């Protein structure tokens, strides 16, 4: 997209009907917040039991959104970066982003 919010896959495709992972959603929400001029808190180290599984491209977004309390981990202490976003998690992201 022209606004840089959704850059797509390495092959240049967007694939709008694909499911979205938690780490992909973090990147998109981080970009939406920047686009809207919302300053997220600078992120420190991410403290999740599966932090090493967060993709490099998503790590800074996860750090910022976690520090800003836009994102949180799972009840078991994981972030679950590759898991699909649930409807409840998506609703929270939209709500928090809209009212930040």
C-alpha atoms as a PDB file:
ATOM      1  CA  UNK A   1       0.000   0.000   0.000  1.00  0.00           C
ATOM      2  CA  UNK A   2       1.098   3.545  -0.607  1.00  0.00           C
ATOM      3  CA  UNK A   3       0.957   4.450   3.081  1.00  0.00           C
ATOM      4  CA  UNK A   4       3.383   1.644   4.045  1.00  0.00           C
ATOM      5  CA  UNK A   5       1.054   0.056   6.576  1.00  0.00           C
ATOM      6  CA  UNK A   6       0.805  -3.255   4.752  1.00  0.00           C
ATOM      7  CA  UNK A   7       3.962  -4.052   2.797  1.00  0.00           C
ATOM      8  CA  UNK A   8       3.017  -7.616   1.976  1.00  0.00           C
ATOM      9  CA  UNK A   9       5.133 -10.681   1.506  1.00  0.00           C
ATOM     10  CA  UNK A  10       8.697 -10.850   0.154  1.00  0.00           C
ATOM     11  CA  UNK A  11       7.337 -11.696  -3.308  1.00  0.00           C
ATOM     12  CA  UNK A  12       5.388  -8.412  -3.278  1.00  0.00           C
ATOM     13  CA  UNK A  13       1.961 -10.000  -2.849  1.00  0.00           C
ATOM     14  CA  UNK A  14      -0.511  -8.875  -0.180  1.00  0.00           C
ATOM     15  CA  UNK A  15      -2.655 -12.053   0.138  1.00  0.00           C
ATOM     16  CA  UNK A  16      -5.631 -10.354   1.863  1.00  0.00           C
ATOM     17  CA  UNK A  17      -7.467 -13.641   2.455  1.00  0.00           C
ATOM     18  CA  UNK A  18      -4.634 -15.267   4.407  1.00  0.00           C
ATOM     19  CA  UNK A  19      -4.822 -15.604   8.169  1.00  0.00           C
ATOM     20  CA  UNK A  20      -2.637 -13.288  10.230  1.00  0.00           C
ATOM     21  CA  UNK A  21      -0.211 -14.199  12.978  1.00  0.00           C
ATOM     22  CA  UNK A  22       0.157 -12.286  16.226  1.00  0.00           C
ATOM     23  CA  UNK A  23       3.570 -10.969  15.164  1.00  0.00           C
ATOM     24  CA  UNK A  24       2.244  -9.843  11.769  1.00  0.00           C
ATOM     25  CA  UNK A  25      -0.630  -8.053  13.498  1.00  0.00           C
ATOM     26  CA  UNK A  26       1.858  -6.347  15.818  1.00  0.00           C
ATOM     27  CA  UNK A  27       3.776  -4.955  12.850  1.00  0.00           C
ATOM     28  CA  UNK A  28       0.628  -3.674  11.145  1.00  0.00           C
ATOM     29  CA  UNK A  29      -0.761  -2.070  14.322  1.00  0.00           C
ATOM     30  CA  UNK A  30       2.634  -0.469  15.021  1.00  0.00           C
ATOM     31  CA  UNK A  31       2.594   1.017  11.507  1.00  0.00           C
ATOM     32  CA  UNK A  32      -1.011   2.218  11.903  1.00  0.00           C
ATOM     33  CA  UNK A  33      -0.104   3.976  15.135  1.00  0.00           C
ATOM     34  CA  UNK A  34       2.887   5.673  13.474  1.00  0.00           C
ATOM     35  CA  UNK A  35       0.723   6.653  10.498  1.00  0.00           C
ATOM     36  CA  UNK A  36      -1.837   8.192  12.874  1.00  0.00           C
ATOM     37  CA  UNK A  37       0.936  10.033  14.750  1.00  0.00           C
ATOM     38  CA  UNK A  38       0.510   7.978  17.929  1.00  0.00           C
ATOM     39  CA  UNK A  39       3.789   7.589  19.766  1.00  0.00           C
ATOM     40  CA  UNK A  40       4.242   4.125  21.242  1.00  0.00           C
ATOM     41  CA  UNK A  41       6.468   3.709  24.282  1.00  0.00           C
ATOM     42  CA  UNK A  42      10.047   2.737  23.465  1.00  0.00           C
ATOM     43  CA  UNK A  43      10.350  -0.983  23.973  1.00  0.00           C
ATOM     44  CA  UNK A  44      12.898  -2.687  26.154  1.00  0.00           C
ATOM     45  CA  UNK A  45      13.625  -6.366  26.168  1.00  0.00           C
ATOM     46  CA  UNK A  46      10.592  -8.524  25.567  1.00  0.00           C
ATOM     47  CA  UNK A  47      10.008 -10.841  28.482  1.00  0.00           C
ATOM     48  CA  UNK A  48       8.071 -13.781  27.096  1.00  0.00           C
ATOM     49  CA  UNK A  49       9.017 -17.403  27.525  1.00  0.00           C
ATOM     50  CA  UNK A  50       9.086 -17.777  23.725  1.00  0.00           C
ATOM     51  CA  UNK A  51      10.708 -14.438  22.813  1.00  0.00           C
ATOM     52  CA  UNK A  52      13.291 -16.220  20.683  1.00  0.00           C
ATOM     53  CA  UNK A  53      10.468 -17.281  18.336  1.00  0.00           C
ATOM     54  CA  UNK A  54       9.483 -13.698  17.467  1.00  0.00           C
ATOM     55  CA  UNK A  55      10.697 -12.896  13.936  1.00  0.00           C
ATOM     56  CA  UNK A  56      13.401 -10.262  13.691  1.00  0.00           C
ATOM     57  CA  UNK A  57      11.203  -8.020  11.514  1.00  0.00           C
ATOM     58  CA  UNK A  58       8.491  -7.992  14.200  1.00  0.00           C
ATOM     59  CA  UNK A  59      10.594  -7.727  17.348  1.00  0.00           C
ATOM     60  CA  UNK A  60      10.708  -3.927  17.635  1.00  0.00           C
ATOM     61  CA  UNK A  61       6.957  -3.644  17.027  1.00  0.00           C
ATOM     62  CA  UNK A  62       6.249  -6.264  19.691  1.00  0.00           C
ATOM     63  CA  UNK A  63       8.549  -4.416  22.115  1.00  0.00           C
ATOM     64  CA  UNK A  64       6.875  -1.046  21.501  1.00  0.00           C
ATOM     65  CA  UNK A  65       3.321  -2.356  21.649  1.00  0.00           C
ATOM     66  CA  UNK A  66       4.008  -4.411  24.763  1.00  0.00           C
ATOM     67  CA  UNK A  67       5.583  -1.402  26.521  1.00  0.00           C
ATOM     68  CA  UNK A  68       2.581   0.710  25.460  1.00  0.00           C
ATOM     69  CA  UNK A  69       0.172  -1.951  26.778  1.00  0.00           C
ATOM     70  CA  UNK A  70      -1.412  -2.362  23.364  1.00  0.00           C
ATOM     71  CA  UNK A  71      -0.293  -5.998  23.258  1.00  0.00           C
ATOM     72  CA  UNK A  72       0.127  -8.531  25.988  1.00  0.00           C
ATOM     73  CA  UNK A  73       1.223 -12.108  26.220  1.00  0.00           C
ATOM     74  CA  UNK A  74      -0.758 -15.238  26.759  1.00  0.00           C
ATOM     75  CA  UNK A  75      -1.745 -16.506  30.216  1.00  0.00           C
ATOM     76  CA  UNK A  76       1.134 -19.012  30.129  1.00  0.00           C
ATOM     77  CA  UNK A  77       3.804 -16.317  29.675  1.00  0.00           C
ATOM     78  CA  UNK A  78       4.259 -16.840  25.944  1.00  0.00           C
ATOM     79  CA  UNK A  79       3.709 -14.307  23.212  1.00  0.00           C
ATOM     80  CA  UNK A  80       2.811 -17.020  20.677  1.00  0.00           C
ATOM     81  CA  UNK A  81       4.088 -14.991  17.702  1.00  0.00           C
ATOM     82  CA  UNK A  82       3.174 -17.553  15.040  1.00  0.00           C
ATOM     83  CA  UNK A  83      -0.318 -18.249  16.431  1.00  0.00           C
ATOM     84  CA  UNK A  84      -3.284 -16.826  14.595  1.00  0.00           C
ATOM     85  CA  UNK A  85      -4.863 -13.759  16.098  1.00  0.00           C
ATOM     86  CA  UNK A  86      -8.138 -14.564  17.827  1.00  0.00           C
ATOM     87  CA  UNK A  87     -11.248 -12.467  17.283  1.00  0.00           C
ATOM     88  CA  UNK A  88     -10.959 -11.137  20.850  1.00  0.00           C
ATOM     89  CA  UNK A  89      -7.311 -10.181  20.361  1.00  0.00           C
ATOM     90  CA  UNK A  90      -8.119  -8.462  17.050  1.00  0.00           C
ATOM     91  CA  UNK A  91     -10.972  -6.552  18.677  1.00  0.00           C
ATOM     92  CA  UNK A  92      -8.668  -5.372  21.478  1.00  0.00           C
ATOM     93  CA  UNK A  93      -6.045  -4.190  18.980  1.00  0.00           C
ATOM     94  CA  UNK A  94      -8.593  -2.261  16.947  1.00  0.00           C
ATOM     95  CA  UNK A  95     -10.162  -0.738  20.076  1.00  0.00           C
ATOM     96  CA  UNK A  96      -6.865   0.262  21.683  1.00  0.00           C
ATOM     97  CA  UNK A  97      -5.503   1.682  18.430  1.00  0.00           C
ATOM     98  CA  UNK A  98      -8.693   3.653  17.754  1.00  0.00           C
ATOM     99  CA  UNK A  99      -8.750   5.209  21.219  1.00  0.00           C
ATOM    100  CA  UNK A 100      -5.047   5.845  21.855  1.00  0.00           C
END
